């Protein structure tokens, strides 16, 4: 397996955390949250700034989760208490975070090339590559990524089956019904947005440490990438249960990154990647609907033909 494919798998795992965060708002809460573009860069900015200042990378990543959660909670308060449209609330927070991220970093870009990060610690563990018949399937770093994101997936699965998690799911499905049972949907919405953006910020923190720098513009288009991962994952791997759909979202992120890597290897210009992302989402959204419509028409014709023959 070549380095580009292995790199795509590693990036897919890192962005899988972003996809899980987007899934919580897009599917669970049924809220289109554009805060993601700002909170992703916020996570990278927080992690980079604290690591450069001498903070342990694990603690820096945890701080990214907390601060990202606060950004999501702010969007939730704007939407629920301020009665601002959810889409507009996310846009306002995203715009504000651009200036906040610049304030945190002090400049547009913070390099981490000579700093100890999570990934220097992982490499120091000396985990061997997974090799079959002389072909490297996964690097040692990828193995750690897989273990880490699967543990995070299981925690999210557990949370969504707790009383609070069920309230969260019901808030997205039928807010009027869950309010009739005495649940404060404003609170569950704020918690959901906070948790989502906390995960997105962790993804931003991991990506910044992986690529060796944090950039103020690194969050641009992250909501589209997250949506692409969620939709592609659901289409390819199904969404019949929480356990299955969270796994599908992670796999969808990997598939998305592999498609991008293959497109680049085929000679496409890197500037076309946004267009390719849009096309992936369009295909993933329309093909199942069109296929289902064709299947229904065929089923009706078959049924009519059968009745006429009888």
Protein backbone atom coordinates (compact mmCIF):
# COMPACT_ATOMS: atom_id res chain seq x y z
CA UNK A 1 0.00 0.00 0.00
CA UNK A 2 1.53 3.35 -1.00
CA UNK A 3 2.14 6.24 1.35
CA UNK A 4 -0.68 8.35 -0.10
CA UNK A 5 -3.28 5.68 0.68
CA UNK A 6 -1.93 5.10 4.20
CA UNK A 7 -1.91 8.86 4.77
CA UNK A 8 -5.53 9.04 3.55
CA UNK A 9 -6.55 6.34 6.03
CA UNK A 10 -4.85 8.18 8.90
CA UNK A 11 -6.53 11.45 7.92
CA UNK A 12 -9.86 9.66 7.56
CA UNK A 13 -9.55 8.44 11.14
CA UNK A 14 -8.69 11.92 12.41
CA UNK A 15 -11.57 13.52 10.54
CA UNK A 16 -13.80 10.68 11.74
CA UNK A 17 -14.00 12.52 15.07
CA UNK A 18 -15.24 15.59 13.16
CA UNK A 19 -17.80 13.39 11.40
CA UNK A 20 -19.07 12.02 14.73
CA UNK A 21 -19.55 15.59 15.95
CA UNK A 22 -21.41 16.59 12.80
CA UNK A 23 -23.56 13.45 13.09
CA UNK A 24 -24.73 14.52 16.56
CA UNK A 25 -26.13 17.80 15.26
CA UNK A 26 -27.11 16.87 11.71
CA UNK A 27 -28.83 13.56 12.49
CA UNK A 28 -29.47 13.41 16.23
CA UNK A 29 -30.54 17.02 16.85
CA UNK A 30 -31.64 17.70 13.27
CA UNK A 31 -29.82 21.06 13.39
CA UNK A 32 -27.56 22.34 10.57
CA UNK A 33 -24.71 23.73 12.67
CA UNK A 34 -22.17 25.89 10.87
CA UNK A 35 -20.25 26.53 14.10
CA UNK A 36 -18.17 23.54 12.99
CA UNK A 37 -15.99 25.61 10.65
CA UNK A 38 -14.99 27.84 13.54
CA UNK A 39 -14.73 25.25 16.32
CA UNK A 40 -12.45 23.00 14.23
CA UNK A 41 -9.92 25.82 13.85
CA UNK A 42 -10.51 26.76 17.49
CA UNK A 43 -9.44 23.28 18.60
CA UNK A 44 -6.28 23.52 16.52
CA UNK A 45 -5.52 27.02 17.82
CA UNK A 46 -6.00 26.07 21.48
CA UNK A 47 -3.91 22.89 21.18
CA UNK A 48 -1.08 24.61 19.29
CA UNK A 49 -0.94 27.63 21.62
CA UNK A 50 -0.86 25.57 24.81
CA UNK A 51 1.63 23.03 23.45
CA UNK A 52 4.00 25.85 22.41
CA UNK A 53 3.60 27.33 25.92
CA UNK A 54 4.75 24.00 27.41
CA UNK A 55 1.44 22.32 28.23
CA UNK A 56 1.21 18.53 27.98
CA UNK A 57 -0.37 17.61 24.59
CA UNK A 58 -3.01 15.44 26.30
CA UNK A 59 -4.08 18.33 28.51
CA UNK A 60 -3.96 20.72 25.53
CA UNK A 61 -6.30 18.41 23.61
CA UNK A 62 -8.66 18.20 26.59
CA UNK A 63 -8.69 22.00 26.79
CA UNK A 64 -9.58 22.10 23.08
CA UNK A 65 -12.59 19.88 23.82
CA UNK A 66 -13.74 22.15 26.66
CA UNK A 67 -13.34 25.40 24.72
CA UNK A 68 -14.95 23.88 21.61
CA UNK A 69 -17.84 22.79 23.80
CA UNK A 70 -18.24 26.35 25.07
CA UNK A 71 -18.41 27.60 21.47
CA UNK A 72 -21.14 25.06 20.70
CA UNK A 73 -23.00 25.98 23.88
CA UNK A 74 -22.90 29.65 22.84
CA UNK A 75 -24.55 28.73 19.54
CA UNK A 76 -27.13 26.73 21.49
CA UNK A 77 -27.91 29.66 23.78
CA UNK A 78 -28.26 32.01 20.80
CA UNK A 79 -30.69 29.58 19.18
CA UNK A 80 -32.76 28.53 22.19
CA UNK A 81 -32.70 31.55 24.48
CA UNK A 82 -32.10 34.28 21.91
CA UNK A 83 -34.59 32.71 19.46
CA UNK A 84 -32.08 33.09 16.63
CA UNK A 85 -32.50 30.72 13.68
CA UNK A 86 -30.19 27.71 14.19
CA UNK A 87 -28.42 28.23 10.86
CA UNK A 88 -27.87 31.94 11.53
CA UNK A 89 -26.72 31.28 15.11
CA UNK A 90 -24.04 28.91 13.80
CA UNK A 91 -22.91 31.42 11.18
CA UNK A 92 -22.62 34.20 13.77
CA UNK A 93 -20.54 32.03 16.10
CA UNK A 94 -18.36 30.85 13.22
CA UNK A 95 -17.64 34.45 12.18
CA UNK A 96 -16.84 35.46 15.75
CA UNK A 97 -14.51 32.49 16.19
CA UNK A 98 -12.35 33.59 13.26
CA UNK A 99 -11.26 36.69 15.17
CA UNK A 100 -11.06 34.76 18.45
CA UNK A 101 -8.77 32.17 16.86
CA UNK A 102 -6.50 34.94 15.59
CA UNK A 103 -6.40 36.39 19.09
CA UNK A 104 -5.50 33.02 20.58
CA UNK A 105 -2.69 32.30 18.13
CA UNK A 106 -1.45 35.86 17.80
CA UNK A 107 -0.88 35.30 14.09
CA UNK A 108 -2.43 33.36 11.22
CA UNK A 109 -0.24 30.26 11.57
CA UNK A 110 1.45 28.48 14.49
CA UNK A 111 4.08 25.82 13.61
CA UNK A 112 4.51 22.74 15.82
CA UNK A 113 7.37 21.07 13.99
CA UNK A 114 9.80 21.10 16.94
CA UNK A 115 7.22 20.57 19.68
CA UNK A 116 6.23 17.38 21.45
CA UNK A 117 2.73 16.41 20.32
CA UNK A 118 0.46 13.42 20.72
CA UNK A 119 2.02 11.91 17.62
CA UNK A 120 5.60 12.20 18.76
CA UNK A 121 4.49 10.27 21.85
CA UNK A 122 2.78 7.67 19.66
CA UNK A 123 5.88 7.26 17.48
CA UNK A 124 8.02 6.88 20.60
CA UNK A 125 5.91 3.87 21.58
CA UNK A 126 7.53 1.99 18.69
CA UNK A 127 4.37 0.14 17.65
CA UNK A 128 5.24 -1.98 14.60
CA UNK A 129 3.45 -1.65 11.28
CA UNK A 130 0.80 -4.22 10.36
CA UNK A 131 2.39 -6.10 7.47
CA UNK A 132 1.03 -9.04 5.46
CA UNK A 133 3.27 -10.82 2.90
CA UNK A 134 5.67 -7.91 2.94
CA UNK A 135 2.92 -5.36 2.24
CA UNK A 136 2.30 -2.71 4.90
CA UNK A 137 -1.43 -2.45 5.50
CA UNK A 138 -1.41 -0.12 8.48
CA UNK A 139 1.29 1.92 10.17
CA UNK A 140 1.79 1.81 13.92
CA UNK A 141 0.33 5.32 14.13
CA UNK A 142 -2.80 4.16 12.26
CA UNK A 143 -3.27 1.31 14.73
CA UNK A 144 -3.25 3.78 17.63
CA UNK A 145 -5.69 6.03 15.74
CA UNK A 146 -8.05 3.11 15.20
CA UNK A 147 -7.98 2.09 18.86
CA UNK A 148 -8.50 5.68 19.99
CA UNK A 149 -11.42 6.49 17.71
CA UNK A 150 -13.14 3.15 18.39
CA UNK A 151 -12.96 3.84 22.12
CA UNK A 152 -14.44 7.29 21.50
CA UNK A 153 -17.16 5.72 19.33
CA UNK A 154 -18.09 3.29 22.12
CA UNK A 155 -18.31 6.14 24.64
CA UNK A 156 -20.67 8.03 22.30
CA UNK A 157 -22.74 4.86 21.77
CA UNK A 158 -23.02 4.46 25.54
CA UNK A 159 -23.93 8.12 26.04
CA UNK A 160 -26.71 8.01 23.43
CA UNK A 161 -28.30 5.12 25.35
CA UNK A 162 -28.29 6.94 28.69
CA UNK A 163 -31.34 8.92 29.86
CA UNK A 164 -29.73 12.18 28.75
CA UNK A 165 -28.73 10.65 25.42
CA UNK A 166 -32.26 9.38 24.83
CA UNK A 167 -33.61 12.86 25.67
CA UNK A 168 -31.15 14.25 23.11
CA UNK A 169 -32.34 11.84 20.44
CA UNK A 170 -35.98 12.55 21.22
CA UNK A 171 -35.35 16.30 21.00
CA UNK A 172 -34.28 15.88 17.40
CA UNK A 173 -37.04 13.40 16.52
CA UNK A 174 -40.07 14.97 18.20
CA UNK A 175 -39.44 17.99 20.45
CA UNK A 176 -43.14 18.54 21.21
CA UNK A 177 -43.55 15.00 22.47
CA UNK A 178 -40.46 15.04 24.68
CA UNK A 179 -41.49 18.41 26.15
CA UNK A 180 -44.79 16.84 27.17
CA UNK A 181 -42.76 14.44 29.36
CA UNK A 182 -41.16 17.37 31.18
CA UNK A 183 -37.83 17.46 29.32
CA UNK A 184 -36.33 20.90 28.74
CA UNK A 185 -35.47 20.77 25.03
CA UNK A 186 -33.51 24.03 25.26
CA UNK A 187 -31.11 22.35 27.68
CA UNK A 188 -30.74 19.19 25.58
CA UNK A 189 -30.13 21.27 22.45
CA UNK A 190 -27.39 23.28 24.17
CA UNK A 191 -25.79 20.08 25.52
CA UNK A 192 -25.93 18.45 22.09
CA UNK A 193 -24.33 21.43 20.35
CA UNK A 194 -21.66 21.66 23.07
CA UNK A 195 -20.79 17.96 22.80
CA UNK A 196 -20.74 18.12 19.00
CA UNK A 197 -18.41 21.10 18.82
CA UNK A 198 -16.24 19.68 21.58
CA UNK A 199 -15.63 16.63 19.39
CA UNK A 200 -15.02 18.84 16.36
CA UNK A 201 -12.46 20.85 18.34
CA UNK A 202 -10.69 17.61 19.37
CA UNK A 203 -10.51 16.67 15.70
CA UNK A 204 -9.02 20.09 14.95
CA UNK A 205 -6.49 19.65 17.77
CA UNK A 206 -5.45 16.21 16.50
CA UNK A 207 -5.20 17.40 12.89
CA UNK A 208 -3.07 20.40 13.90
CA UNK A 209 -0.67 18.12 15.79
CA UNK A 210 -0.65 15.58 12.95
CA UNK A 211 0.15 18.11 10.21
CA UNK A 212 2.55 20.10 12.40
CA UNK A 213 0.80 23.48 12.45
CA UNK A 214 -2.44 25.27 13.26
CA UNK A 215 -3.85 27.74 10.78
CA UNK A 216 -6.66 30.24 11.19
CA UNK A 217 -8.22 29.06 7.93
CA UNK A 218 -7.97 25.33 8.60
CA UNK A 219 -11.67 25.08 9.44
CA UNK A 220 -12.99 26.39 6.12
CA UNK A 221 -15.30 23.82 4.54
CA UNK A 222 -15.20 21.40 7.49
CA UNK A 223 -18.99 21.25 7.73
CA UNK A 224 -19.15 19.98 4.13
CA UNK A 225 -16.45 17.37 4.82
CA UNK A 226 -18.32 16.26 7.93
CA UNK A 227 -21.62 16.02 6.07
CA UNK A 228 -19.96 14.11 3.23
CA UNK A 229 -18.56 11.59 5.71
CA UNK A 230 -21.93 11.15 7.44
CA UNK A 231 -23.93 10.78 4.23
CA UNK A 232 -21.43 8.52 2.45
CA UNK A 233 -21.13 6.35 5.54
CA UNK A 234 -24.89 5.96 5.91
CA UNK A 235 -25.36 5.16 2.23
CA UNK A 236 -22.56 2.58 2.05
CA UNK A 237 -22.75 0.98 5.48
CA UNK A 238 -26.30 1.58 6.75
CA UNK A 239 -27.85 3.30 9.75
CA UNK A 240 -30.11 0.71 11.33
CA UNK A 241 -28.77 1.23 14.88
CA UNK A 242 -26.66 3.69 16.85
CA UNK A 243 -23.76 1.23 16.99
CA UNK A 244 -23.87 0.72 13.24
CA UNK A 245 -24.35 4.34 12.22
CA UNK A 246 -21.48 5.70 14.35
CA UNK A 247 -19.21 3.06 12.84
CA UNK A 248 -20.57 3.94 9.38
CA UNK A 249 -19.77 7.61 9.93
CA UNK A 250 -16.13 6.79 10.76
CA UNK A 251 -15.84 4.49 7.75
CA UNK A 252 -17.48 7.16 5.61
CA UNK A 253 -14.74 9.59 6.64
CA UNK A 254 -12.09 7.07 5.59
CA UNK A 255 -13.83 6.40 2.26
CA UNK A 256 -14.09 10.13 1.61
CA UNK A 257 -10.37 10.62 2.22
CA UNK A 258 -9.52 7.65 0.01
CA UNK A 259 -11.61 9.10 -2.83
CA UNK A 260 -9.78 12.42 -2.46
CA UNK A 261 -6.39 10.66 -2.44
CA UNK A 262 -7.27 8.63 -5.55
CA UNK A 263 -8.52 11.77 -7.30
CA UNK A 264 -5.21 13.51 -6.61
CA UNK A 265 -3.26 10.46 -7.80
CA UNK A 266 -5.32 10.50 -10.99
CA UNK A 267 -3.91 13.94 -11.71
CA UNK A 268 -6.73 16.26 -10.62
CA UNK A 269 -5.75 19.70 -9.41
CA UNK A 270 -5.84 20.16 -5.59
CA UNK A 271 -7.90 23.30 -6.17
CA UNK A 272 -10.69 21.02 -7.49
CA UNK A 273 -11.10 19.21 -4.15
CA UNK A 274 -14.01 21.37 -3.00
CA UNK A 275 -15.81 20.61 -6.24
CA UNK A 276 -15.15 16.88 -5.78
CA UNK A 277 -16.48 17.08 -2.21
CA UNK A 278 -19.67 18.74 -3.43
CA UNK A 279 -20.09 16.09 -6.13
CA UNK A 280 -19.59 13.27 -3.60
CA UNK A 281 -22.32 14.72 -1.38
CA UNK A 282 -24.67 15.27 -4.34
CA UNK A 283 -24.19 11.69 -5.55
CA UNK A 284 -24.62 10.25 -2.07
CA UNK A 285 -27.83 12.22 -1.56
CA UNK A 286 -29.46 11.69 -4.94
CA UNK A 287 -28.48 8.18 -6.02
CA UNK A 288 -30.31 6.33 -3.18
CA UNK A 289 -33.45 8.43 -3.75
CA UNK A 290 -33.41 7.88 -7.51
CA UNK A 291 -32.69 4.16 -7.08
CA UNK A 292 -35.53 3.83 -4.58
CA UNK A 293 -37.93 5.59 -6.98
CA UNK A 294 -36.92 3.26 -9.83
CA UNK A 295 -37.33 0.23 -7.58
CA UNK A 296 -40.82 1.34 -6.53
CA UNK A 297 -41.91 1.92 -10.13
CA UNK A 298 -40.57 -1.50 -11.09
CA UNK A 299 -42.40 -3.08 -8.14
CA UNK A 300 -45.68 -1.40 -9.17
CA UNK A 301 -45.28 -2.58 -12.78
CA UNK A 302 -44.50 -6.09 -11.61
CA UNK A 303 -47.55 -6.10 -9.32
CA UNK A 304 -49.83 -4.82 -12.11
CA UNK A 305 -48.43 -7.35 -14.53
CA UNK A 306 -49.00 -10.12 -12.03
CA UNK A 307 -52.59 -9.02 -11.40
CA UNK A 308 -53.31 -8.76 -15.09
CA UNK A 309 -51.93 -12.25 -15.71
CA UNK A 310 -54.07 -13.60 -12.88
